[in-house]
């Protein structure tokens, strides 16, 4: 064996080792489900599947705005009706965020509610049941797969001049040698394909079991076109009410700004607008593969504590937890948008 044969062997060993590590890492980051196919317990879990914590909060905001418990008092500024009560844990997160918001900006309230432990732990529960992948694996293994594909591609290009050099050096030896590019081409091509597939698979937030569960609950609520249900099932992409979209889409786009604003205040507890939530780093962020809540990026990542509280099962009314009719409300979607809370255009 000459030098180039040793290089070829090293390339084979390196690419195969990297590919095995990638495939094992992707499999471990996407938990498998045993026994009966898991189901989504309520619409709050469906919202998390559709768009992460941002969609959970968006559905709660739709419910609060739709039945008049929360009203818009200015461009992007919201107020709560006196004595308002929350119908589920997501609405309680919104109310807690509003209590700590000095200005009442909707985008700040949305971001603080996204970071609420109860909302964040919805993702933990879904991951424990194998419906979504853990955030750590989704960050590490797509990067691993992409780097593997890029390195293999560069080595494939580099193998062309190396093949020419090997030919020149071995031309006078009188013995036949397999061209260097022929020795490494199969494994490098396989490394590119394996890296690309592994990166794409690792980047998917929803597991196959989760996708099936989301399809089932969407089929169950197919006939319900109310804004709350459609936001829970599809994120803001499913919201058709023009007034609600006018309020919530800019708030979703302002999440990055809210994240930037929260960082300087992370060391102070008396003047923060996030009601203590800024001390809890964000784990779960909205993903683009489930339905999209629009611009709901997050801050830094870690874990949260505390109990998630009750589910969203109380959202039996068309608006979500409120139970009151939108048409009877003095503001919000009834009077401001001339639309009905029970139906979507």
Protein backbone atom coordinates (compact mmCIF):
# COMPACT_ATOMS: atom_id res chain seq x y z
CA UNK A 1 0.00 0.00 0.00
CA UNK A 2 1.25 3.49 -0.83
CA UNK A 3 0.48 6.80 0.81
CA UNK A 4 -2.66 7.39 -1.20
CA UNK A 5 -4.04 3.98 -0.24
CA UNK A 6 -3.61 4.88 3.43
CA UNK A 7 -5.37 8.19 2.82
CA UNK A 8 -8.25 6.35 1.14
CA UNK A 9 -8.56 3.95 4.09
CA UNK A 10 -8.55 6.89 6.49
CA UNK A 11 -11.30 8.58 4.49
CA UNK A 12 -13.42 5.42 4.56
CA UNK A 13 -12.99 5.03 8.33
CA UNK A 14 -13.71 8.71 9.02
CA UNK A 15 -16.84 8.94 6.87
CA UNK A 16 -18.32 5.65 8.12
CA UNK A 17 -17.66 6.59 11.76
CA UNK A 18 -19.24 10.02 11.30
CA UNK A 19 -22.25 8.49 9.56
CA UNK A 20 -22.82 5.91 12.30
CA UNK A 21 -22.59 8.60 14.99
CA UNK A 22 -25.03 10.76 13.03
CA UNK A 23 -27.62 8.01 12.56
CA UNK A 24 -27.42 6.91 16.20
CA UNK A 25 -27.73 10.50 17.40
CA UNK A 26 -30.74 11.20 15.21
CA UNK A 27 -32.46 8.02 16.39
CA UNK A 28 -31.87 8.86 20.06
CA UNK A 29 -33.06 12.46 19.65
CA UNK A 30 -36.34 11.29 18.13
CA UNK A 31 -37.89 8.99 20.75
CA UNK A 32 -39.81 5.97 19.56
CA UNK A 33 -43.28 5.18 20.84
CA UNK A 34 -44.25 1.81 22.22
CA UNK A 35 -47.76 0.41 22.47
CA UNK A 36 -50.85 2.23 21.18
CA UNK A 37 -50.30 5.37 19.15
CA UNK A 38 -50.33 8.37 21.53
CA UNK A 39 -53.01 11.00 21.09
CA UNK A 40 -53.12 14.69 21.79
CA UNK A 41 -55.03 15.41 24.98
CA UNK A 42 -56.44 18.82 24.07
CA UNK A 43 -56.19 21.79 21.75
CA UNK A 44 -53.34 23.34 23.71
CA UNK A 45 -51.17 20.34 22.84
CA UNK A 46 -52.32 20.60 19.24
CA UNK A 47 -51.26 24.25 19.22
CA UNK A 48 -47.83 23.35 20.56
CA UNK A 49 -47.49 20.74 17.83
CA UNK A 50 -48.60 23.25 15.19
CA UNK A 51 -46.29 26.09 16.18
CA UNK A 52 -44.57 25.61 19.51
CA UNK A 53 -45.21 27.82 22.55
CA UNK A 54 -46.01 30.78 20.32
CA UNK A 55 -49.07 29.05 18.89
CA UNK A 56 -50.26 28.05 22.39
CA UNK A 57 -50.11 31.69 23.48
CA UNK A 58 -51.67 32.90 20.20
CA UNK A 59 -54.66 30.60 20.78
CA UNK A 60 -55.04 31.93 24.33
CA UNK A 61 -54.86 35.51 23.05
CA UNK A 62 -57.51 34.73 20.43
CA UNK A 63 -59.76 33.40 23.19
CA UNK A 64 -59.23 36.44 25.42
CA UNK A 65 -59.67 38.95 22.59
CA UNK A 66 -62.58 37.16 21.06
CA UNK A 67 -64.89 37.21 24.06
CA UNK A 68 -63.89 40.67 25.26
CA UNK A 69 -61.90 39.70 28.34
CA UNK A 70 -58.91 41.44 26.74
CA UNK A 71 -59.33 44.58 24.65
CA UNK A 72 -57.01 46.60 22.47
CA UNK A 73 -56.65 50.13 23.80
CA UNK A 74 -54.14 51.37 21.26
CA UNK A 75 -51.82 50.18 18.50
CA UNK A 76 -50.46 46.98 19.96
CA UNK A 77 -51.44 47.93 23.54
CA UNK A 78 -53.90 45.65 25.35
CA UNK A 79 -55.93 45.93 28.54
CA UNK A 80 -57.83 43.40 30.60
CA UNK A 81 -61.43 43.72 31.69
CA UNK A 82 -61.86 44.08 35.47
CA UNK A 83 -62.24 40.72 37.21
CA UNK A 84 -61.16 38.69 34.17
CA UNK A 85 -60.48 35.01 34.81
CA UNK A 86 -58.45 32.51 32.85
CA UNK A 87 -59.97 29.35 31.43
CA UNK A 88 -56.79 27.27 31.17
CA UNK A 89 -53.08 27.34 31.89
CA UNK A 90 -52.21 29.23 28.68
CA UNK A 91 -54.61 32.03 29.51
CA UNK A 92 -53.22 32.15 33.06
CA UNK A 93 -49.76 32.56 31.54
CA UNK A 94 -51.04 35.50 29.48
CA UNK A 95 -52.63 37.11 32.54
CA UNK A 96 -49.42 36.70 34.55
CA UNK A 97 -47.43 38.22 31.69
CA UNK A 98 -49.85 41.14 31.48
CA UNK A 99 -49.50 41.83 35.20
CA UNK A 100 -45.76 42.28 34.78
CA UNK A 101 -45.90 44.30 31.56
CA UNK A 102 -45.43 48.01 32.37
CA UNK A 103 -46.64 49.22 28.97
CA UNK A 104 -49.09 46.53 27.91
CA UNK A 105 -47.42 45.91 24.55
CA UNK A 106 -48.91 42.76 23.09
CA UNK A 107 -45.62 41.46 21.64
CA UNK A 108 -43.96 41.67 25.09
CA UNK A 109 -46.89 39.88 26.73
CA UNK A 110 -46.78 37.18 24.08
CA UNK A 111 -43.08 36.56 24.57
CA UNK A 112 -43.34 36.48 28.38
CA UNK A 113 -46.26 34.02 28.17
CA UNK A 114 -44.28 31.81 25.77
CA UNK A 115 -41.57 31.57 28.43
CA UNK A 116 -44.03 30.67 31.19
CA UNK A 117 -43.10 27.29 32.75
CA UNK A 118 -46.60 25.91 32.20
CA UNK A 119 -46.44 26.64 28.46
CA UNK A 120 -42.87 25.37 28.16
CA UNK A 121 -43.65 22.12 29.95
CA UNK A 122 -46.32 21.31 27.41
CA UNK A 123 -43.41 20.57 25.10
CA UNK A 124 -41.80 18.38 27.76
CA UNK A 125 -44.97 16.30 28.03
CA UNK A 126 -45.20 15.89 24.26
CA UNK A 127 -41.54 14.90 24.02
CA UNK A 128 -41.97 12.35 26.83
CA UNK A 129 -44.73 10.70 24.78
CA UNK A 130 -42.55 10.65 21.66
CA UNK A 131 -44.59 13.19 19.69
CA UNK A 132 -41.89 15.82 19.19
CA UNK A 133 -38.10 15.73 19.20
CA UNK A 134 -36.07 17.28 22.00
CA UNK A 135 -34.55 20.69 21.19
CA UNK A 136 -30.97 19.59 21.95
CA UNK A 137 -30.95 16.91 19.28
CA UNK A 138 -32.57 19.24 16.77
CA UNK A 139 -29.74 21.72 17.20
CA UNK A 140 -26.78 19.35 17.27
CA UNK A 141 -27.49 16.64 14.71
CA UNK A 142 -28.64 18.81 11.78
CA UNK A 143 -25.37 20.68 12.15
CA UNK A 144 -23.45 17.39 12.28
CA UNK A 145 -25.14 16.15 9.12
CA UNK A 146 -24.56 19.42 7.29
CA UNK A 147 -20.87 19.50 8.23
CA UNK A 148 -20.45 15.87 7.16
CA UNK A 149 -22.04 16.54 3.77
CA UNK A 150 -19.92 19.66 3.20
CA UNK A 151 -16.66 17.98 4.23
CA UNK A 152 -17.37 14.97 2.01
CA UNK A 153 -18.16 17.30 -0.87
CA UNK A 154 -14.90 19.21 -0.42
CA UNK A 155 -12.93 15.96 -0.17
CA UNK A 156 -14.58 14.74 -3.35
CA UNK A 157 -13.42 17.87 -5.18
CA UNK A 158 -9.96 17.57 -3.62
CA UNK A 159 -9.69 13.96 -4.74
CA UNK A 160 -9.42 15.07 -8.38
CA UNK A 161 -6.04 16.84 -8.07
CA UNK A 162 -4.83 14.14 -5.66
CA UNK A 163 -5.66 11.53 -8.29
CA UNK A 164 -3.54 13.42 -10.83
CA UNK A 165 -0.65 13.72 -8.35
CA UNK A 166 -0.83 9.99 -7.56
CA UNK A 167 -0.82 9.20 -11.29
CA UNK A 168 2.30 11.31 -11.88
CA UNK A 169 4.16 9.76 -8.93
CA UNK A 170 3.24 6.19 -9.84
CA UNK A 171 3.62 6.49 -13.61
CA UNK A 172 7.11 5.04 -13.65
CA UNK A 173 6.49 2.20 -11.19
CA UNK A 174 5.24 -0.20 -13.86
CA UNK A 175 2.41 -1.50 -11.65
CA UNK A 176 -1.29 -0.76 -11.89
CA UNK A 177 -2.95 1.26 -9.14
CA UNK A 178 -6.62 2.01 -8.75
CA UNK A 179 -7.14 5.74 -9.27
CA UNK A 180 -7.47 7.57 -5.94
CA UNK A 181 -10.82 9.09 -6.87
CA UNK A 182 -12.20 5.61 -7.57
CA UNK A 183 -11.12 4.48 -4.11
CA UNK A 184 -12.86 7.28 -2.22
CA UNK A 185 -15.76 8.20 -4.52
CA UNK A 186 -18.27 5.62 -3.17
CA UNK A 187 -17.78 6.50 0.50
CA UNK A 188 -17.69 10.26 -0.10
CA UNK A 189 -20.87 10.15 -2.17
CA UNK A 190 -22.50 8.03 0.52
CA UNK A 191 -21.31 10.48 3.17
CA UNK A 192 -22.91 13.38 1.30
CA UNK A 193 -26.23 11.56 0.92
CA UNK A 194 -26.20 10.26 4.51
CA UNK A 195 -25.33 13.71 5.91
CA UNK A 196 -28.08 15.45 3.94
CA UNK A 197 -30.72 12.88 4.88
CA UNK A 198 -29.63 12.83 8.51
CA UNK A 199 -29.67 16.62 8.76
CA UNK A 200 -33.15 16.82 7.21
CA UNK A 201 -34.51 14.09 9.46
CA UNK A 202 -32.96 15.55 12.61
CA UNK A 203 -34.33 18.98 11.79
CA UNK A 204 -37.93 17.82 11.85
CA UNK A 205 -39.59 18.90 15.09
CA UNK A 206 -42.54 16.53 14.86
CA UNK A 207 -42.01 12.76 14.95
CA UNK A 208 -44.04 10.41 12.72
CA UNK A 209 -46.24 9.53 15.72
CA UNK A 210 -46.73 13.23 16.42
CA UNK A 211 -47.67 13.96 12.82
CA UNK A 212 -50.29 11.20 12.95
CA UNK A 213 -51.70 12.54 16.23
CA UNK A 214 -51.88 16.06 14.80
CA UNK A 215 -53.70 14.79 11.70
CA UNK A 216 -56.19 12.97 13.91
CA UNK A 217 -57.10 16.00 16.01
CA UNK A 218 -57.32 18.21 12.92
CA UNK A 219 -59.72 15.71 11.39
CA UNK A 220 -61.77 15.69 14.61
CA UNK A 221 -62.19 19.49 14.52
CA UNK A 222 -62.53 19.74 10.75
CA UNK A 223 -66.02 21.24 10.95
CA UNK A 224 -65.13 23.85 13.59
CA UNK A 225 -63.96 27.00 11.85
CA UNK A 226 -63.85 29.21 14.96
CA UNK A 227 -60.73 31.37 15.30
CA UNK A 228 -59.65 29.70 18.54
CA UNK A 229 -59.82 26.18 17.12
CA UNK A 230 -58.18 27.12 13.82
CA UNK A 231 -55.36 28.95 15.61
CA UNK A 232 -54.84 25.94 17.87
CA UNK A 233 -54.69 23.54 14.94
CA UNK A 234 -52.69 25.59 12.43
CA UNK A 235 -51.12 28.52 14.28
CA UNK A 236 -51.61 32.01 12.87
CA UNK A 237 -51.63 30.46 9.40
CA UNK A 238 -55.12 29.19 10.20
CA UNK A 239 -56.43 32.51 11.54
CA UNK A 240 -58.67 34.24 9.01
CA UNK A 241 -60.29 36.96 11.12
CA UNK A 242 -58.79 40.25 9.82
CA UNK A 243 -59.01 42.07 13.15
CA UNK A 244 -57.29 39.30 15.08
CA UNK A 245 -54.61 38.95 12.41
CA UNK A 246 -54.03 42.71 12.57
CA UNK A 247 -53.23 42.35 16.28
CA UNK A 248 -51.47 39.00 16.51
CA UNK A 249 -49.29 38.86 13.38
CA UNK A 250 -47.28 41.98 14.33
CA UNK A 251 -47.01 40.65 17.89
CA UNK A 252 -45.56 37.41 16.55
CA UNK A 253 -43.10 39.31 14.38
CA UNK A 254 -42.03 41.35 17.40
CA UNK A 255 -40.91 38.30 19.38
CA UNK A 256 -37.25 38.80 18.44
CA UNK A 257 -37.46 42.38 19.66
CA UNK A 258 -39.05 41.22 22.92
CA UNK A 259 -36.26 38.66 23.36
CA UNK A 260 -33.64 41.36 22.85
CA UNK A 261 -35.41 43.68 25.30
CA UNK A 262 -35.62 40.99 27.97
CA UNK A 263 -31.87 40.32 28.11
CA UNK A 264 -30.75 43.66 29.62
CA UNK A 265 -33.33 43.25 32.39
CA UNK A 266 -32.42 39.69 33.29
CA UNK A 267 -30.44 40.83 36.35
CA UNK A 268 -33.21 42.93 37.87
CA UNK A 269 -36.36 41.53 39.37
CA UNK A 270 -38.27 44.69 40.29
CA UNK A 271 -38.46 46.39 36.89
CA UNK A 272 -38.74 43.46 34.51
CA UNK A 273 -41.81 43.20 32.31
CA UNK A 274 -41.75 39.40 32.11
CA UNK A 275 -42.97 38.87 35.67
CA UNK A 276 -40.00 36.69 36.53
CA UNK A 277 -40.17 34.72 33.30
CA UNK A 278 -36.99 36.33 31.98
CA UNK A 279 -35.04 34.28 34.52
CA UNK A 280 -36.35 31.08 32.89
CA UNK A 281 -34.47 30.38 29.65
CA UNK A 282 -36.53 29.21 26.72
CA UNK A 283 -36.29 25.58 25.64
CA UNK A 284 -39.12 25.14 23.19
CA UNK A 285 -39.48 27.53 20.29
CA UNK A 286 -41.88 27.54 17.41
CA UNK A 287 -40.93 25.42 14.41
CA UNK A 288 -41.72 25.81 10.77
CA UNK A 289 -42.67 22.22 10.12
CA UNK A 290 -45.87 22.09 12.03
CA UNK A 291 -47.98 24.93 10.79
CA UNK A 292 -46.13 28.05 11.73
CA UNK A 293 -47.15 30.69 14.18
CA UNK A 294 -45.10 33.26 12.40
CA UNK A 295 -41.91 34.69 13.64
CA UNK A 296 -41.94 33.14 17.07
CA UNK A 297 -38.27 32.82 17.63
CA UNK A 298 -36.99 32.54 21.15
CA UNK A 299 -34.16 33.63 23.31
CA UNK A 300 -31.61 31.34 24.90
CA UNK A 301 -32.16 27.71 25.75
CA UNK A 302 -32.36 25.64 28.91
CA UNK A 303 -35.04 24.00 31.01
CA UNK A 304 -37.91 25.22 33.14
CA UNK A 305 -39.58 24.05 36.27
CA UNK A 306 -42.98 24.08 37.93
CA UNK A 307 -46.17 22.33 37.06
CA UNK A 308 -47.97 22.97 33.83
CA UNK A 309 -51.35 23.12 35.49
CA UNK A 310 -54.57 22.08 33.86
CA UNK A 311 -55.07 21.30 30.23
CA UNK A 312 -57.10 23.12 27.66
CA UNK A 313 -60.09 20.91 28.00
CA UNK A 314 -62.16 23.81 29.26
CA UNK A 315 -62.09 25.40 25.84
CA UNK A 316 -65.38 23.96 24.79
CA UNK A 317 -66.83 27.24 23.65
CA UNK A 318 -66.15 28.51 20.19
CA UNK A 319 -63.70 31.07 21.51
CA UNK A 320 -61.71 28.92 23.83
CA UNK A 321 -61.95 29.23 27.64
CA UNK A 322 -64.20 32.25 27.87
CA UNK A 323 -67.57 30.74 27.18
CA UNK A 324 -69.17 34.05 26.24
CA UNK A 325 -70.30 35.02 22.78
CA UNK A 326 -68.20 37.33 20.72
CA UNK A 327 -71.22 39.06 19.27
CA UNK A 328 -72.30 40.18 22.77
CA UNK A 329 -68.90 41.69 23.58
CA UNK A 330 -68.54 45.44 23.52
CA UNK A 331 -65.22 45.30 21.72
CA UNK A 332 -62.63 42.88 20.35
CA UNK A 333 -63.66 40.73 17.41
CA UNK A 334 -67.35 41.60 17.48
CA UNK A 335 -67.39 45.35 17.24
CA UNK A 336 -63.89 45.96 15.89
CA UNK A 337 -63.77 43.50 13.06
CA UNK A 338 -67.43 42.96 12.27
CA UNK A 339 -66.83 39.23 12.35
CA UNK A 340 -68.25 36.42 14.43
CA UNK A 341 -66.17 34.56 16.95
CA UNK A 342 -67.89 31.33 16.15
CA UNK A 343 -67.02 31.31 12.47
CA UNK A 344 -64.13 32.24 10.29
CA UNK A 345 -64.37 33.81 6.89
